[in-house]
Protein backbone atom coordinates (compact mmCIF):
# COMPACT_ATOMS: atom_id res chain seq x y z
CA UNK A 1 0.00 0.00 0.00
CA UNK A 2 1.75 3.21 -1.11
CA UNK A 3 -0.19 5.40 1.32
CA UNK A 4 1.79 3.94 4.21
CA UNK A 5 5.13 5.11 2.79
CA UNK A 6 5.40 8.78 3.87
CA UNK A 7 8.66 9.51 2.05
CA UNK A 8 7.40 10.89 -1.29
CA UNK A 9 4.17 12.38 0.04
CA UNK A 10 5.80 14.25 2.90
CA UNK A 11 8.34 15.82 0.53
CA UNK A 12 5.56 16.83 -1.86
CA UNK A 13 3.62 18.35 1.04
CA UNK A 14 6.61 20.31 2.32
CA UNK A 15 7.66 21.61 -1.10
CA UNK A 16 4.14 22.55 -2.08
CA UNK A 17 3.70 24.53 1.17
CA UNK A 18 7.07 26.23 0.67
CA UNK A 19 6.02 27.30 -2.81
CA UNK A 20 2.61 28.34 -1.52
CA UNK A 21 4.09 30.43 1.29
CA UNK A 22 6.69 32.13 -0.91
CA UNK A 23 4.48 32.94 -3.91
CA UNK A 24 1.05 33.79 -2.52
CA UNK A 25 1.74 36.26 0.38
CA UNK A 26 3.63 38.84 -1.74
CA UNK A 27 0.82 38.75 -4.30
CA UNK A 28 -1.82 39.22 -1.62
CA UNK A 29 0.09 42.00 0.16
CA UNK A 30 0.69 43.84 -3.14
CA UNK A 31 -3.03 43.95 -3.87
CA UNK A 32 -4.34 47.50 -3.92
CA UNK A 33 -7.97 48.29 -3.32
CA UNK A 34 -9.32 50.64 -6.00
CA UNK A 35 -11.66 52.48 -3.64
CA UNK A 36 -10.10 53.09 -0.25
CA UNK A 37 -12.70 53.95 2.38
CA UNK A 38 -12.65 57.58 3.42
CA UNK A 39 -12.77 58.37 7.14
CA UNK A 40 -16.12 59.64 8.30
CA UNK A 41 -16.68 62.32 10.89
CA UNK A 42 -16.70 61.17 14.50
CA UNK A 43 -19.56 63.35 15.67
CA UNK A 44 -22.91 61.63 15.80
CA UNK A 45 -25.83 63.03 13.83
CA UNK A 46 -28.50 64.75 15.91
CA UNK A 47 -31.63 62.65 16.00
CA UNK A 48 -35.07 64.03 16.63
CA UNK A 49 -37.61 62.11 18.69
CA UNK A 50 -40.55 60.75 16.75
CA UNK A 51 -43.76 62.67 17.17
CA UNK A 52 -46.41 59.97 17.37
CA UNK A 53 -49.84 61.47 16.64
CA UNK A 54 -51.74 58.90 18.76
CA UNK A 55 -49.69 59.26 21.93
C-alpha atoms as a PDB file:
ATOM      1  CA  UNK A   1       0.000   0.000   0.000  1.00  0.00           C
ATOM      2  CA  UNK A   2       1.754   3.207  -1.113  1.00  0.00           C
ATOM      3  CA  UNK A   3      -0.194   5.403   1.321  1.00  0.00           C
ATOM      4  CA  UNK A   4       1.788   3.938   4.214  1.00  0.00           C
ATOM      5  CA  UNK A   5       5.127   5.114   2.787  1.00  0.00           C
ATOM      6  CA  UNK A   6       5.398   8.780   3.865  1.00  0.00           C
ATOM      7  CA  UNK A   7       8.657   9.507   2.054  1.00  0.00           C
ATOM      8  CA  UNK A   8       7.404  10.894  -1.289  1.00  0.00           C
ATOM      9  CA  UNK A   9       4.166  12.384   0.043  1.00  0.00           C
ATOM     10  CA  UNK A  10       5.805  14.249   2.900  1.00  0.00           C
ATOM     11  CA  UNK A  11       8.345  15.817   0.533  1.00  0.00           C
ATOM     12  CA  UNK A  12       5.557  16.828  -1.860  1.00  0.00           C
ATOM     13  CA  UNK A  13       3.617  18.349   1.035  1.00  0.00           C
ATOM     14  CA  UNK A  14       6.610  20.310   2.322  1.00  0.00           C
ATOM     15  CA  UNK A  15       7.664  21.608  -1.098  1.00  0.00           C
ATOM     16  CA  UNK A  16       4.136  22.554  -2.081  1.00  0.00           C
ATOM     17  CA  UNK A  17       3.702  24.535   1.173  1.00  0.00           C
ATOM     18  CA  UNK A  18       7.069  26.232   0.672  1.00  0.00           C
ATOM     19  CA  UNK A  19       6.021  27.304  -2.808  1.00  0.00           C
ATOM     20  CA  UNK A  20       2.613  28.339  -1.524  1.00  0.00           C
ATOM     21  CA  UNK A  21       4.093  30.431   1.294  1.00  0.00           C
ATOM     22  CA  UNK A  22       6.689  32.126  -0.910  1.00  0.00           C
ATOM     23  CA  UNK A  23       4.480  32.940  -3.915  1.00  0.00           C
ATOM     24  CA  UNK A  24       1.046  33.787  -2.515  1.00  0.00           C
ATOM     25  CA  UNK A  25       1.742  36.258   0.377  1.00  0.00           C
ATOM     26  CA  UNK A  26       3.625  38.841  -1.741  1.00  0.00           C
ATOM     27  CA  UNK A  27       0.821  38.750  -4.305  1.00  0.00           C
ATOM     28  CA  UNK A  28      -1.817  39.225  -1.618  1.00  0.00           C
ATOM     29  CA  UNK A  29       0.092  41.995   0.163  1.00  0.00           C
ATOM     30  CA  UNK A  30       0.690  43.837  -3.136  1.00  0.00           C
ATOM     31  CA  UNK A  31      -3.029  43.946  -3.866  1.00  0.00           C
ATOM     32  CA  UNK A  32      -4.337  47.498  -3.917  1.00  0.00           C
ATOM     33  CA  UNK A  33      -7.972  48.291  -3.320  1.00  0.00           C
ATOM     34  CA  UNK A  34      -9.319  50.644  -6.000  1.00  0.00           C
ATOM     35  CA  UNK A  35     -11.657  52.480  -3.645  1.00  0.00           C
ATOM     36  CA  UNK A  36     -10.098  53.094  -0.251  1.00  0.00           C
ATOM     37  CA  UNK A  37     -12.695  53.950   2.380  1.00  0.00           C
ATOM     38  CA  UNK A  38     -12.648  57.581   3.422  1.00  0.00           C
ATOM     39  CA  UNK A  39     -12.766  58.373   7.138  1.00  0.00           C
ATOM     40  CA  UNK A  40     -16.116  59.643   8.302  1.00  0.00           C
ATOM     41  CA  UNK A  41     -16.680  62.322  10.893  1.00  0.00           C
ATOM     42  CA  UNK A  42     -16.696  61.170  14.501  1.00  0.00           C
ATOM     43  CA  UNK A  43     -19.562  63.355  15.669  1.00  0.00           C
ATOM     44  CA  UNK A  44     -22.915  61.630  15.796  1.00  0.00           C
ATOM     45  CA  UNK A  45     -25.830  63.027  13.834  1.00  0.00           C
ATOM     46  CA  UNK A  46     -28.502  64.745  15.915  1.00  0.00           C
ATOM     47  CA  UNK A  47     -31.632  62.650  15.997  1.00  0.00           C
ATOM     48  CA  UNK A  48     -35.065  64.034  16.629  1.00  0.00           C
ATOM     49  CA  UNK A  49     -37.615  62.107  18.695  1.00  0.00           C
ATOM     50  CA  UNK A  50     -40.546  60.750  16.755  1.00  0.00           C
ATOM     51  CA  UNK A  51     -43.757  62.673  17.166  1.00  0.00           C
ATOM     52  CA  UNK A  52     -46.408  59.974  17.372  1.00  0.00           C
ATOM     53  CA  UNK A  53     -49.844  61.471  16.644  1.00  0.00           C
ATOM     54  CA  UNK A  54     -51.737  58.899  18.756  1.00  0.00           C
ATOM     55  CA  UNK A  55     -49.686  59.260  21.932  1.00  0.00           C
END
